[in-house]
C-alpha atoms as a PDB file:
ATOM      1  CA  MET A   1     -12.651   8.403  30.132  1.00  0.00           C
ATOM      2  CA  LYS A   2      -9.760   9.613  27.988  1.00  0.00           C
ATOM      3  CA  THR A   3      -8.572   7.437  25.126  1.00  0.00           C
ATOM      4  CA  ALA A   4      -4.858   6.710  24.841  1.00  0.00           C
ATOM      5  CA  PHE A   5      -3.185   8.896  22.228  1.00  0.00           C
ATOM      6  CA  TYR A   6      -2.437   5.893  20.009  1.00  0.00           C
ATOM      7  CA  GLU A   7      -6.104   4.821  20.004  1.00  0.00           C
ATOM      8  CA  ARG A   8      -7.661   8.094  18.853  1.00  0.00           C
ATOM      9  CA  GLU A   9     -10.072   7.935  15.961  1.00  0.00           C
ATOM     10  CA  ASN A  10      -9.426   9.868  12.767  1.00  0.00           C
ATOM     11  CA  MET A  11      -5.705   9.706  13.385  1.00  0.00           C
ATOM     12  CA  ALA A  12      -3.322   9.616  10.437  1.00  0.00           C
ATOM     13  CA  LEU A  13      -1.803   6.245   9.698  1.00  0.00           C
ATOM     14  CA  THR A  14       0.931   4.674   7.632  1.00  0.00           C
ATOM     15  CA  ALA A  15       0.421   1.400   5.793  1.00  0.00           C
ATOM     16  CA  LEU A  16       3.411  -0.668   4.702  1.00  0.00           C
ATOM     17  CA  LEU A  17       2.776  -3.054   1.836  1.00  0.00           C
ATOM     18  CA  GLU A  18       5.590  -5.547   1.294  1.00  0.00           C
ATOM     19  CA  LEU A  19       5.756  -7.060  -2.192  1.00  0.00           C
ATOM     20  CA  GLU A  20       8.124  -9.532  -3.777  1.00  0.00           C
ATOM     21  CA  PHE A  21       7.913  -9.911  -7.529  1.00  0.00           C
ATOM     22  CA  LYS A  22       9.117 -12.750  -9.708  1.00  0.00           C
ATOM     23  CA  ALA A  23      12.518 -11.696 -11.047  1.00  0.00           C
ATOM     24  CA  ASP A  24      11.428 -12.132 -14.663  1.00  0.00           C
ATOM     25  CA  SER A  25       8.325  -9.975 -14.179  1.00  0.00           C
ATOM     26  CA  LEU A  26       9.941  -6.740 -12.945  1.00  0.00           C
ATOM     27  CA  ASP A  27       9.330  -4.773 -16.144  1.00  0.00           C
ATOM     28  CA  ASP A  28       5.634  -5.686 -16.104  1.00  0.00           C
ATOM     29  CA  ALA A  29       5.460  -5.054 -12.346  1.00  0.00           C
ATOM     30  CA  LYS A  30       6.791  -1.517 -12.807  1.00  0.00           C
ATOM     31  CA  LYS A  31       4.116  -0.798 -15.429  1.00  0.00           C
ATOM     32  CA  VAL A  32       1.289  -2.220 -13.310  1.00  0.00           C
ATOM     33  CA  MET A  33       2.467  -0.501 -10.134  1.00  0.00           C
ATOM     34  CA  THR A  34       2.834   2.855 -11.894  1.00  0.00           C
ATOM     35  CA  ARG A  35      -0.844   2.671 -12.877  1.00  0.00           C
ATOM     36  CA  VAL A  36      -1.966   1.328  -9.494  1.00  0.00           C
ATOM     37  CA  LEU A  37      -0.071   3.916  -7.482  1.00  0.00           C
ATOM     38  CA  ASP A  38      -1.348   6.760  -9.650  1.00  0.00           C
ATOM     39  CA  GLU A  39      -4.869   5.581  -8.762  1.00  0.00           C
ATOM     40  CA  THR A  40      -3.909   5.279  -5.094  1.00  0.00           C
ATOM     41  CA  ARG A  41      -2.436   8.778  -4.962  1.00  0.00           C
ATOM     42  CA  ALA A  42      -5.709  10.150  -6.371  1.00  0.00           C
ATOM     43  CA  PHE A  43      -7.842   8.260  -3.823  1.00  0.00           C
ATOM     44  CA  ASP A  44      -9.568  10.392  -1.202  1.00  0.00           C
ATOM     45  CA  GLY A  45      -7.475  10.612   1.948  1.00  0.00           C
ATOM     46  CA  CYS A  46      -4.145   9.551   0.456  1.00  0.00           C
ATOM     47  CA  VAL A  47      -1.491  11.915   1.804  1.00  0.00           C
ATOM     48  CA  GLY A  48       1.407  10.342  -0.100  1.00  0.00           C
ATOM     49  CA  ILE A  49       3.174   7.227  -1.281  1.00  0.00           C
ATOM     50  CA  GLU A  50       6.818   6.224  -1.335  1.00  0.00           C
ATOM     51  CA  ILE A  51       8.263   3.079  -2.879  1.00  0.00           C
ATOM     52  CA  LEU A  52      11.344   1.519  -1.338  1.00  0.00           C
ATOM     53  CA  VAL A  53      13.342  -1.093  -3.250  1.00  0.00           C
ATOM     54  CA  ASP A  54      15.622  -3.573  -1.481  1.00  0.00           C
ATOM     55  CA  GLN A  55      19.221  -2.731  -2.385  1.00  0.00           C
ATOM     56  CA  LYS A  56      20.185  -6.408  -2.494  1.00  0.00           C
ATOM     57  CA  ASN A  57      17.057  -7.685  -4.270  1.00  0.00           C
ATOM     58  CA  GLU A  58      15.297  -5.310  -6.679  1.00  0.00           C
ATOM     59  CA  ALA A  59      12.287  -7.633  -6.777  1.00  0.00           C
ATOM     60  CA  ARG A  60      11.467  -6.787  -3.113  1.00  0.00           C
ATOM     61  CA  TRP A  61       9.535  -3.563  -2.619  1.00  0.00           C
ATOM     62  CA  VAL A  62       7.920  -1.811   0.306  1.00  0.00           C
ATOM     63  CA  VAL A  63       5.150   0.618  -0.567  1.00  0.00           C
ATOM     64  CA  VAL A  64       4.786   3.240   2.174  1.00  0.00           C
ATOM     65  CA  GLU A  65       1.272   4.702   2.087  1.00  0.00           C
ATOM     66  CA  LYS A  66       0.263   7.671   4.246  1.00  0.00           C
ATOM     67  CA  TRP A  67      -3.475   8.113   4.939  1.00  0.00           C
ATOM     68  CA  GLN A  68      -5.381  10.931   6.628  1.00  0.00           C
ATOM     69  CA  SER A  69      -7.258   8.450   8.821  1.00  0.00           C
ATOM     70  CA  GLN A  70      -8.130   4.817   9.405  1.00  0.00           C
ATOM     71  CA  GLU A  71     -11.463   5.489   7.708  1.00  0.00           C
ATOM     72  CA  HIS A  72      -9.729   6.632   4.506  1.00  0.00           C
ATOM     73  CA  ASP A  73      -7.486   3.567   4.508  1.00  0.00           C
ATOM     74  CA  THR A  74     -10.470   1.289   5.118  1.00  0.00           C
ATOM     75  CA  ALA A  75     -12.361   2.843   2.197  1.00  0.00           C
ATOM     76  CA  TYR A  76      -9.324   2.319  -0.028  1.00  0.00           C
ATOM     77  CA  ARG A  77      -8.951  -1.361   0.988  1.00  0.00           C
ATOM     78  CA  LYS A  78     -12.670  -1.878   0.286  1.00  0.00           C
ATOM     79  CA  PHE A  79     -12.203  -0.291  -3.162  1.00  0.00           C
ATOM     80  CA  ARG A  80      -9.243  -2.589  -3.938  1.00  0.00           C
ATOM     81  CA  ALA A  81     -11.210  -5.639  -2.779  1.00  0.00           C
ATOM     82  CA  GLY A  82     -14.073  -4.741  -5.132  1.00  0.00           C
ATOM     83  CA  GLU A  83     -14.324  -2.559  -8.216  1.00  0.00           C
ATOM     84  CA  GLY A  84     -10.681  -1.437  -7.965  1.00  0.00           C
ATOM     85  CA  ALA A  85      -9.228  -4.938  -7.742  1.00  0.00           C
ATOM     86  CA  ILE A  86      -5.779  -5.273  -9.297  1.00  0.00           C
ATOM     87  CA  THR A  87      -6.223  -8.481 -11.258  1.00  0.00           C
ATOM     88  CA  ASP A  88      -2.988  -8.221 -13.239  1.00  0.00           C
ATOM     89  CA  LEU A  89      -0.720  -8.003 -10.171  1.00  0.00           C
ATOM     90  CA  GLY A  90      -1.120 -11.510  -8.725  1.00  0.00           C
ATOM     91  CA  PRO A  91       0.654 -13.385 -11.537  1.00  0.00           C
ATOM     92  CA  LEU A  92       3.683 -11.083 -11.147  1.00  0.00           C
ATOM     93  CA  LEU A  93       4.182 -11.798  -7.438  1.00  0.00           C
ATOM     94  CA  ALA A  94       6.570 -14.398  -6.023  1.00  0.00           C
ATOM     95  CA  GLY A  95       4.504 -14.677  -2.829  1.00  0.00           C
ATOM     96  CA  ALA A  96       1.644 -13.201  -0.864  1.00  0.00           C
ATOM     97  CA  PRO A  97       1.830  -9.464  -0.110  1.00  0.00           C
ATOM     98  CA  LYS A  98       2.094  -8.394   3.527  1.00  0.00           C
ATOM     99  CA  LEU A  99       0.190  -5.340   4.758  1.00  0.00           C
ATOM    100  CA  THR A 100       0.915  -3.730   8.128  1.00  0.00           C
ATOM    101  CA  HIS A 101      -0.610  -0.537   9.611  1.00  0.00           C
ATOM    102  CA  TYR A 102       1.218   1.902  11.880  1.00  0.00           C
ATOM    103  CA  SER A 103       0.281   5.063  13.772  1.00  0.00           C
ATOM    104  CA  ALA A 104       2.729   7.688  14.936  1.00  0.00           C
ATOM    105  CA  LEU A 105       3.253   8.055  18.669  1.00  0.00           C
END
C-alpha cells in the first residue's frame, strides 16, 4: 500500500520554536541564543535556521529550524533534553516555549 506523500519517512521537516523573553532579559537572551543556535547549526541534519522577531514586540521570537528528516530532528530534541540541555535559557523566558513541526506538501 502506498503511503500518503505527507507521511513519508525521511522527509525534510521544519520546526517552529516560539519564544517570548522577559523584556529586561533581551541582551542576555541574544547571547544565549547565539551560542545555542551555533550549536544547533552544527548538529547533524540541520539544514538551516532563521530567527524571526515580532515587529511589535522584540521579546517574541520564532526560530525556524529546517531538518533533513524527522530522525535528525528527534536526535536533536533528545540531545537538548539530555547532555545539550540549555539550563541558562529558562530564567530568561516570560513563558513556556511552543514547538510545532511542519512538513512541506
